[in-house]
């Protein structure tokens, strides 16, 4: 077919004075920030599913995009055309990584054997493409939620035959991710939960999910995969309740099954807000638990309770997120995957570039802002002073386990003084953030 993106030149960095909508204003990949380039810090990835698979359809109507590979059956020819277009897009955008689900890249399959055969065929072609191009794999994942067989979950399904099919998909996709040199592998439990508790054995399902995840980790070590395993938290939608609702819940689950040192989290801002949390809260919780892994950058619509997967455009929120990411040591194997899709009315090829250019520029600005905050880290200095009492005296004894409840209570009686309130300075700190968002 004619190259779908042939009329678009490779995207270049032109600086903030440029008025070219198909150029980076802030994402200068070689600019050094805190000892690393912006490209090395952000590790930007394009997701295969929203970018190349989605045809613009929603629950009320068919897709208006009409990309050349969307028409007709999802056969091998369509998979090949989509693969060609994807790597052409990667070359023109110039981001270092991509991410995929197994069913994103392959011809449609119904039976287990057909799935293995069709996936193997496209894996060979992806490997050949990667050898010819510079884009690497950030992470892979198996789609265990779209097919009707997974309507009652995958690992948590009441039918073990369904879970066996899910195991086959994960095995195949994890091995392909290893073959491609992927930095990580993600498990997103889109239907690992329930629509009604009336027909659900919650304890049984969590046991199944814990054992399934343990088997994934066991297979990772068996094949010698050196990347990370990540769970992507989400509270609900499409199911009413999902067992991996937020970072704190995931950590408790990992602790229950002894996986807290084996599995981390891939955090999405839109999922954080659906759980009633802020994006930066989820990042800092992951840092506190030692399970921070990767980010699916996107946003929701504040007037819509659905997971809208829009490209990020909130500089304040993203600056705070990058601040906590950098404070936690930055990305190691993870990165910044744009799990985002253009709007249904944004139906031209250029719109795919506009979305990613805006997102990459936003991340670059946020990274620079966050680095400046860390250089003169008033937030950390304030928190250090606020909690200084726990560094010595009875506070330190409590935290070290060298103080009993009776002994600590006796400290209050000995001093015989009511502690005075100390300001938390919230407004001052909020002003500090506003002054650094630029």
Protein backbone atom coordinates (compact mmCIF):
# COMPACT_ATOMS: atom_id res chain seq x y z
CA UNK A 1 0.00 0.00 0.00
CA UNK A 2 1.01 3.66 -0.31
CA UNK A 3 2.79 4.82 2.83
CA UNK A 4 0.11 6.28 5.07
CA UNK A 5 2.56 8.74 6.65
CA UNK A 6 4.58 9.61 3.52
CA UNK A 7 3.37 13.23 3.50
CA UNK A 8 4.75 13.86 7.00
CA UNK A 9 8.43 14.68 7.45
CA UNK A 10 10.41 13.33 10.41
CA UNK A 11 9.64 15.36 13.54
CA UNK A 12 12.51 17.60 14.60
CA UNK A 13 13.25 19.74 17.64
CA UNK A 14 12.88 23.41 16.65
CA UNK A 15 12.65 25.14 20.03
CA UNK A 16 9.97 27.12 21.84
CA UNK A 17 9.95 29.92 19.24
CA UNK A 18 8.87 27.58 16.46
CA UNK A 19 5.31 27.87 15.13
CA UNK A 20 5.51 24.53 13.32
CA UNK A 21 2.83 22.23 14.80
CA UNK A 22 4.77 19.21 13.52
CA UNK A 23 7.92 20.01 15.48
CA UNK A 24 9.06 19.62 19.08
CA UNK A 25 9.22 22.84 21.09
CA UNK A 26 10.68 21.39 24.31
CA UNK A 27 11.51 17.73 23.69
CA UNK A 28 15.19 18.02 22.79
CA UNK A 29 16.28 14.38 23.17
CA UNK A 30 19.97 15.20 23.65
CA UNK A 31 19.54 18.02 26.17
CA UNK A 32 21.20 17.02 29.46
CA UNK A 33 19.19 17.34 32.67
CA UNK A 34 20.62 16.12 36.00
CA UNK A 35 23.40 14.23 34.24
CA UNK A 36 21.23 12.38 31.68
CA UNK A 37 19.65 13.32 28.40
CA UNK A 38 15.92 13.98 28.21
CA UNK A 39 15.59 10.87 26.04
CA UNK A 40 17.36 8.76 28.68
CA UNK A 41 15.23 10.17 31.50
CA UNK A 42 11.82 9.82 29.86
CA UNK A 43 12.22 6.63 27.79
CA UNK A 44 9.17 7.53 25.71
CA UNK A 45 7.11 4.76 24.13
CA UNK A 46 4.22 4.66 21.64
CA UNK A 47 1.49 2.14 22.39
CA UNK A 48 0.47 -0.09 19.52
CA UNK A 49 -3.19 -0.53 20.53
CA UNK A 50 -4.58 3.00 20.64
CA UNK A 51 -2.28 4.34 17.95
CA UNK A 52 -2.69 1.70 15.25
CA UNK A 53 -5.50 -0.65 16.29
CA UNK A 54 -8.27 1.68 17.37
CA UNK A 55 -10.45 2.76 14.47
CA UNK A 56 -12.30 5.50 16.35
CA UNK A 57 -15.34 3.39 17.23
CA UNK A 58 -17.24 3.97 20.44
CA UNK A 59 -20.30 2.34 22.01
CA UNK A 60 -22.60 4.58 19.97
CA UNK A 61 -21.04 4.29 16.51
CA UNK A 62 -18.52 2.82 14.12
CA UNK A 63 -14.98 4.02 13.58
CA UNK A 64 -14.36 7.05 11.33
CA UNK A 65 -10.58 6.72 10.97
CA UNK A 66 -10.49 4.49 7.88
CA UNK A 67 -6.78 3.75 8.08
CA UNK A 68 -5.73 1.43 5.22
CA UNK A 69 -5.18 -1.53 7.58
CA UNK A 70 -8.57 -1.13 9.32
CA UNK A 71 -10.78 -2.24 6.45
CA UNK A 72 -11.97 -5.83 6.20
CA UNK A 73 -10.85 -8.86 8.16
CA UNK A 74 -8.01 -8.71 10.67
CA UNK A 75 -5.92 -11.25 8.75
CA UNK A 76 -2.18 -11.59 8.18
CA UNK A 77 -2.22 -9.00 5.39
CA UNK A 78 -3.79 -6.45 7.75
CA UNK A 79 -1.29 -7.32 10.48
CA UNK A 80 1.60 -6.85 8.03
CA UNK A 81 0.25 -3.50 6.81
CA UNK A 82 -0.19 -2.31 10.39
CA UNK A 83 3.36 -3.38 11.24
CA UNK A 84 4.77 -1.43 8.28
CA UNK A 85 2.81 1.66 9.27
CA UNK A 86 3.84 1.36 12.93
CA UNK A 87 7.57 1.34 12.27
CA UNK A 88 7.19 4.12 9.72
CA UNK A 89 5.47 6.16 12.43
CA UNK A 90 8.19 5.31 14.96
CA UNK A 91 10.89 6.47 12.54
CA UNK A 92 9.15 9.78 11.85
CA UNK A 93 8.35 10.54 15.50
CA UNK A 94 11.76 9.41 16.76
CA UNK A 95 10.73 8.06 20.18
CA UNK A 96 13.02 5.27 21.49
CA UNK A 97 10.43 2.61 22.47
CA UNK A 98 7.07 1.02 21.72
CA UNK A 99 4.66 -1.26 23.64
CA UNK A 100 2.17 -3.86 22.42
CA UNK A 101 -0.49 -6.45 23.29
CA UNK A 102 -0.23 -9.80 21.55
CA UNK A 103 -3.54 -9.39 19.70
CA UNK A 104 -2.57 -5.86 18.59
CA UNK A 105 0.10 -7.14 16.25
CA UNK A 106 -1.16 -10.51 15.04
CA UNK A 107 -3.81 -11.86 12.70
CA UNK A 108 -7.03 -12.78 14.45
CA UNK A 109 -7.09 -16.26 15.98
CA UNK A 110 -9.80 -18.33 17.65
CA UNK A 111 -8.26 -21.63 18.76
CA UNK A 112 -5.15 -22.05 20.94
CA UNK A 113 -3.16 -23.60 18.09
CA UNK A 114 -4.18 -20.86 15.69
CA UNK A 115 -3.15 -18.25 18.26
CA UNK A 116 0.31 -19.79 18.61
CA UNK A 117 0.78 -20.07 14.84
CA UNK A 118 -0.40 -16.54 14.02
CA UNK A 119 1.55 -14.95 16.86
CA UNK A 120 4.74 -16.80 15.91
CA UNK A 121 4.42 -15.54 12.35
CA UNK A 122 4.23 -11.88 13.36
CA UNK A 123 6.93 -12.26 16.04
CA UNK A 124 9.43 -13.17 13.33
CA UNK A 125 8.40 -10.11 11.32
CA UNK A 126 8.63 -7.78 14.32
CA UNK A 127 12.09 -9.13 15.07
CA UNK A 128 13.14 -8.39 11.49
CA UNK A 129 11.71 -4.86 11.72
CA UNK A 130 13.52 -4.17 14.97
CA UNK A 131 16.79 -5.28 13.38
CA UNK A 132 16.27 -2.69 10.62
CA UNK A 133 15.06 0.20 12.80
CA UNK A 134 16.19 1.89 16.01
CA UNK A 135 12.98 1.59 18.05
CA UNK A 136 13.20 -0.86 20.95
CA UNK A 137 10.55 -2.60 23.03
CA UNK A 138 9.70 -1.08 26.39
CA UNK A 139 7.23 -3.79 27.35
CA UNK A 140 4.82 -6.39 26.03
CA UNK A 141 1.55 -7.71 27.40
CA UNK A 142 -1.18 -10.20 26.54
CA UNK A 143 -4.73 -9.03 25.96
CA UNK A 144 -6.76 -11.07 28.45
CA UNK A 145 -9.92 -8.96 28.40
CA UNK A 146 -11.24 -8.25 24.89
CA UNK A 147 -12.33 -11.70 23.72
CA UNK A 148 -15.73 -12.95 24.98
CA UNK A 149 -14.00 -15.94 26.59
CA UNK A 150 -12.68 -13.48 29.18
CA UNK A 151 -16.03 -11.94 30.09
CA UNK A 152 -15.68 -13.39 33.63
CA UNK A 153 -11.96 -12.72 33.89
CA UNK A 154 -8.80 -14.54 32.86
CA UNK A 155 -6.78 -15.65 35.89
CA UNK A 156 -9.91 -15.21 38.03
CA UNK A 157 -12.29 -17.03 35.69
CA UNK A 158 -14.50 -19.72 37.28
CA UNK A 159 -13.62 -22.00 34.34
CA UNK A 160 -9.99 -23.25 34.46
CA UNK A 161 -10.08 -23.91 30.70
CA UNK A 162 -10.33 -20.16 30.15
CA UNK A 163 -7.43 -19.54 32.51
CA UNK A 164 -5.38 -22.15 30.62
CA UNK A 165 -5.92 -20.16 27.40
CA UNK A 166 -4.79 -17.04 29.27
CA UNK A 167 -1.69 -18.91 30.46
CA UNK A 168 -0.89 -19.81 26.85
CA UNK A 169 -1.17 -16.18 25.77
CA UNK A 170 1.03 -14.96 28.62
CA UNK A 171 3.63 -17.64 28.01
CA UNK A 172 3.83 -16.81 24.31
CA UNK A 173 3.90 -13.05 24.86
CA UNK A 174 6.42 -13.15 27.72
CA UNK A 175 8.74 -15.28 25.59
CA UNK A 176 8.35 -12.86 22.65
CA UNK A 177 9.06 -9.91 24.96
CA UNK A 178 12.22 -11.69 26.09
CA UNK A 179 13.18 -12.37 22.47
CA UNK A 180 12.73 -8.69 21.57
CA UNK A 181 14.87 -7.54 24.51
CA UNK A 182 11.93 -5.86 26.24
CA UNK A 183 12.60 -3.97 29.47
CA UNK A 184 9.45 -5.26 31.15
CA UNK A 185 6.24 -7.22 30.93
CA UNK A 186 2.85 -5.89 32.10
CA UNK A 187 -0.21 -7.71 33.39
CA UNK A 188 -3.35 -5.58 33.21
CA UNK A 189 -6.28 -7.29 34.89
CA UNK A 190 -9.01 -5.53 32.97
CA UNK A 191 -11.58 -8.11 34.02
CA UNK A 192 -9.86 -9.57 37.08
CA UNK A 193 -12.71 -8.64 39.38
CA UNK A 194 -16.47 -8.91 39.44
CA UNK A 195 -19.65 -7.27 38.19
CA UNK A 196 -21.68 -8.62 41.12
CA UNK A 197 -20.50 -10.25 44.31
CA UNK A 198 -23.62 -12.44 44.23
CA UNK A 199 -22.00 -14.91 41.81
CA UNK A 200 -18.39 -14.41 42.92
CA UNK A 201 -16.18 -16.37 45.31
CA UNK A 202 -13.77 -13.55 46.12
CA UNK A 203 -11.33 -15.65 48.14
CA UNK A 204 -11.16 -18.28 45.39
CA UNK A 205 -10.54 -15.68 42.70
CA UNK A 206 -7.77 -13.94 44.60
CA UNK A 207 -6.10 -17.30 45.22
CA UNK A 208 -6.27 -18.03 41.49
CA UNK A 209 -4.85 -14.61 40.65
CA UNK A 210 -2.03 -14.98 43.16
CA UNK A 211 -1.05 -18.38 41.84
CA UNK A 212 -1.27 -17.23 38.22
CA UNK A 213 1.02 -14.30 38.93
CA UNK A 214 3.43 -16.61 40.73
CA UNK A 215 3.54 -18.88 37.68
CA UNK A 216 4.34 -15.89 35.47
CA UNK A 217 7.27 -14.98 37.73
CA UNK A 218 8.44 -18.60 37.76
CA UNK A 219 8.38 -18.69 33.95
CA UNK A 220 10.25 -15.40 33.76
CA UNK A 221 13.13 -16.94 35.68
CA UNK A 222 12.94 -20.21 33.76
CA UNK A 223 13.46 -18.49 30.39
CA UNK A 224 16.06 -16.06 31.75
CA UNK A 225 14.07 -12.88 31.19
CA UNK A 226 15.96 -10.07 32.91
CA UNK A 227 13.24 -7.45 32.59
CA UNK A 228 10.67 -6.51 35.21
CA UNK A 229 7.14 -7.81 35.76
CA UNK A 230 4.58 -5.07 36.41
CA UNK A 231 0.90 -4.98 37.37
CA UNK A 232 -1.15 -2.01 36.17
CA UNK A 233 -3.57 -0.90 38.92
CA UNK A 234 -7.14 0.04 38.02
CA UNK A 235 -10.17 0.28 40.33
CA UNK A 236 -13.06 -0.63 38.03
CA UNK A 237 -14.28 -0.43 34.43
CA UNK A 238 -15.06 -2.59 32.71
CA UNK A 239 -15.91 -4.62 35.85
CA UNK A 240 -17.54 -3.09 38.92
CA UNK A 241 -14.60 -3.98 41.17
CA UNK A 242 -11.09 -5.04 40.23
CA UNK A 243 -8.66 -6.64 42.65
CA UNK A 244 -5.76 -4.39 41.59
CA UNK A 245 -7.62 -1.13 42.29
CA UNK A 246 -4.61 1.05 43.26
CA UNK A 247 -0.94 0.86 44.23
CA UNK A 248 -1.61 0.25 47.93
CA UNK A 249 -4.01 -2.59 47.18
CA UNK A 250 -1.55 -4.15 44.74
CA UNK A 251 1.24 -4.03 47.32
CA UNK A 252 -0.93 -5.77 49.90
CA UNK A 253 -1.76 -8.44 47.35
CA UNK A 254 1.91 -8.92 46.46
CA UNK A 255 2.83 -9.22 50.14
CA UNK A 256 0.12 -11.85 50.64
CA UNK A 257 1.65 -14.05 47.94
CA UNK A 258 5.33 -13.28 48.63
CA UNK A 259 5.82 -11.39 45.36
CA UNK A 260 6.69 -7.91 46.63
CA UNK A 261 10.32 -8.34 45.54
CA UNK A 262 9.39 -9.81 42.16
CA UNK A 263 6.59 -7.60 40.82
CA UNK A 264 6.19 -3.83 40.54
CA UNK A 265 3.56 -1.47 39.17
CA UNK A 266 2.90 0.29 35.90
CA UNK A 267 0.93 3.39 36.94
CA UNK A 268 -1.63 5.24 34.83
CA UNK A 269 -2.86 8.74 35.81
CA UNK A 270 -6.39 8.08 34.53
CA UNK A 271 -6.60 4.92 36.63
CA UNK A 272 -5.30 6.82 39.67
CA UNK A 273 -8.07 9.41 39.45
CA UNK A 274 -10.73 6.72 38.90
CA UNK A 275 -9.54 5.21 42.21
CA UNK A 276 -9.98 8.59 43.91
CA UNK A 277 -6.23 9.21 44.11
CA UNK A 278 -3.94 11.78 42.54
CA UNK A 279 -1.30 10.70 40.04
CA UNK A 280 1.55 11.88 42.27
CA UNK A 281 0.03 9.97 45.21
CA UNK A 282 0.29 6.71 43.29
CA UNK A 283 3.89 7.42 42.26
CA UNK A 284 4.94 8.27 45.82
CA UNK A 285 3.13 5.22 47.23
CA UNK A 286 5.02 3.03 44.74
CA UNK A 287 8.28 4.68 45.82
CA UNK A 288 7.45 4.11 49.49
CA UNK A 289 6.74 0.42 48.88
CA UNK A 290 9.73 -0.04 46.56
CA UNK A 291 7.61 -1.24 43.64
CA UNK A 292 7.74 1.72 41.23
CA UNK A 293 8.24 0.48 37.69
CA UNK A 294 6.77 2.33 34.73
CA UNK A 295 4.13 4.88 33.68
CA UNK A 296 1.28 4.85 31.16
CA UNK A 297 0.98 8.58 30.58
CA UNK A 298 -2.50 9.85 29.79
CA UNK A 299 -5.34 11.76 31.45
CA UNK A 300 -9.06 11.53 32.00
CA UNK A 301 -11.71 14.16 31.45
CA UNK A 302 -12.66 15.82 34.78
CA UNK A 303 -16.30 15.93 33.64
CA UNK A 304 -16.38 12.29 32.58
CA UNK A 305 -16.04 9.29 34.90
CA UNK A 306 -14.85 7.04 32.10
CA UNK A 307 -11.27 6.03 31.31
CA UNK A 308 -10.95 8.40 28.35
CA UNK A 309 -7.21 7.85 27.73
CA UNK A 310 -6.50 11.36 26.46
CA UNK A 311 -3.01 12.67 25.85
CA UNK A 312 -1.65 14.45 28.95
CA UNK A 313 -1.76 18.25 29.00
CA UNK A 314 -1.70 19.17 32.71
CA UNK A 315 1.76 20.64 33.28
CA UNK A 316 1.33 21.05 37.04
CA UNK A 317 0.24 17.45 37.59
CA UNK A 318 2.97 16.09 35.33
CA UNK A 319 5.66 18.26 36.95
CA UNK A 320 4.72 16.87 40.38
CA UNK A 321 4.72 13.32 39.03
CA UNK A 322 8.18 13.77 37.47
CA UNK A 323 9.42 15.33 40.70
CA UNK A 324 8.47 12.20 42.66
CA UNK A 325 9.75 9.91 39.91
CA UNK A 326 13.13 11.65 39.98
CA UNK A 327 13.17 11.67 43.78
CA UNK A 328 12.62 7.91 43.68
CA UNK A 329 15.64 7.43 41.42
CA UNK A 330 13.93 7.83 38.05
CA UNK A 331 13.04 5.13 35.58
CA UNK A 332 15.19 2.03 35.62
CA UNK A 333 13.63 -0.52 33.27
CA UNK A 334 10.38 1.44 32.97
CA UNK A 335 9.52 4.47 30.90
CA UNK A 336 6.85 6.86 29.65
CA UNK A 337 4.38 4.95 27.53
CA UNK A 338 1.63 7.03 25.93
CA UNK A 339 -1.39 4.85 26.63
CA UNK A 340 -3.42 7.56 24.94
CA UNK A 341 -5.58 7.92 21.87
CA UNK A 342 -6.58 10.83 19.71
CA UNK A 343 -10.20 11.89 19.91
CA UNK A 344 -12.80 10.30 17.66
CA UNK A 345 -13.05 13.44 15.53
CA UNK A 346 -9.26 13.66 15.16
CA UNK A 347 -9.31 11.32 12.20
CA UNK A 348 -6.29 12.37 10.10
CA UNK A 349 -2.78 10.92 10.09
CA UNK A 350 -1.41 14.25 11.34
CA UNK A 351 -3.53 14.01 14.48
CA UNK A 352 -1.55 10.96 15.65
CA UNK A 353 1.58 13.10 15.50
CA UNK A 354 -0.02 16.14 17.16
CA UNK A 355 -1.03 14.01 20.15
CA UNK A 356 2.41 12.49 20.64
CA UNK A 357 4.31 15.73 19.98
CA UNK A 358 2.22 17.54 22.59
CA UNK A 359 2.70 14.73 25.09
CA UNK A 360 6.45 14.53 24.59
CA UNK A 361 6.82 18.31 24.84
CA UNK A 362 4.78 18.29 28.06
CA UNK A 363 6.97 15.57 29.61
CA UNK A 364 10.13 17.45 28.66
CA UNK A 365 8.85 20.67 30.25
CA UNK A 366 7.75 18.79 33.36
CA UNK A 367 11.13 17.06 33.62
CA UNK A 368 13.00 20.36 33.45
CA UNK A 369 10.64 21.88 36.05
CA UNK A 370 11.07 18.88 38.36
CA UNK A 371 14.86 18.99 38.04
CA UNK A 372 14.88 22.67 39.01
CA UNK A 373 12.72 21.89 42.05
CA UNK A 374 15.16 19.18 43.14
CA UNK A 375 18.16 21.46 42.65
CA UNK A 376 16.84 23.73 45.42
CA UNK A 377 14.58 21.21 47.10
CA UNK A 378 12.42 23.32 49.40
CA UNK A 379 9.78 20.61 49.55
CA UNK A 380 12.25 18.08 50.92
CA UNK A 381 13.79 20.62 53.26
CA UNK A 382 10.38 21.46 54.69
CA UNK A 383 9.48 17.79 55.20
CA UNK A 384 12.85 17.05 56.79
CA UNK A 385 12.27 19.86 59.31
CA UNK A 386 8.66 18.81 59.90
CA UNK A 387 9.61 15.24 60.84
CA UNK A 388 12.90 16.09 62.58
CA UNK A 389 11.56 15.00 65.98
CA UNK A 390 11.51 11.38 64.81
CA UNK A 391 15.26 11.42 64.10
CA UNK A 392 16.38 11.54 67.74
CA UNK A 393 15.19 11.03 71.28
CA UNK A 394 12.03 9.05 72.00
CA UNK A 395 10.84 9.35 68.38
CA UNK A 396 13.91 7.53 67.11
CA UNK A 397 13.55 4.90 69.84
CA UNK A 398 9.96 4.20 68.78
CA UNK A 399 10.91 3.68 65.13
CA UNK A 400 13.87 1.48 66.01
CA UNK A 401 11.71 -0.77 68.20
CA UNK A 402 13.42 0.27 71.44
CA UNK A 403 10.38 1.85 73.06
CA UNK A 404 7.26 0.30 74.59
CA UNK A 405 3.79 1.82 74.54
CA UNK A 406 4.01 2.38 78.30
CA UNK A 407 7.38 4.04 77.98
CA UNK A 408 6.20 6.34 75.21
CA UNK A 409 3.12 7.27 77.20
CA UNK A 410 5.34 8.06 80.18
CA UNK A 411 7.20 10.62 78.04
CA UNK A 412 3.97 12.60 77.75
CA UNK A 413 3.39 12.52 81.51
CA UNK A 414 6.98 13.51 82.25
CA UNK A 415 6.84 16.58 80.00
CA UNK A 416 3.26 17.34 81.11
CA UNK A 417 2.73 19.74 78.21
CA UNK A 418 0.09 19.82 75.48
CA UNK A 419 1.90 19.98 72.11
CA UNK A 420 1.15 23.17 70.21
CA UNK A 421 -0.17 22.99 66.61
CA UNK A 422 2.51 23.57 63.97
CA UNK A 423 1.54 24.91 60.54
CA UNK A 424 1.72 22.53 57.61
CA UNK A 425 2.28 25.52 55.27
CA UNK A 426 0.12 23.99 52.52
CA UNK A 427 -0.60 27.27 50.74
CA UNK A 428 3.07 28.27 50.78
CA UNK A 429 4.08 24.91 49.32
CA UNK A 430 1.34 25.11 46.67
CA UNK A 431 2.69 28.54 45.70
CA UNK A 432 6.15 27.01 45.49
CA UNK A 433 4.87 24.45 42.96
CA UNK A 434 3.05 27.12 40.93
CA UNK A 435 6.22 29.19 40.76
CA UNK A 436 8.11 26.23 39.27
CA UNK A 437 5.54 25.25 36.65
CA UNK A 438 6.60 27.01 33.47
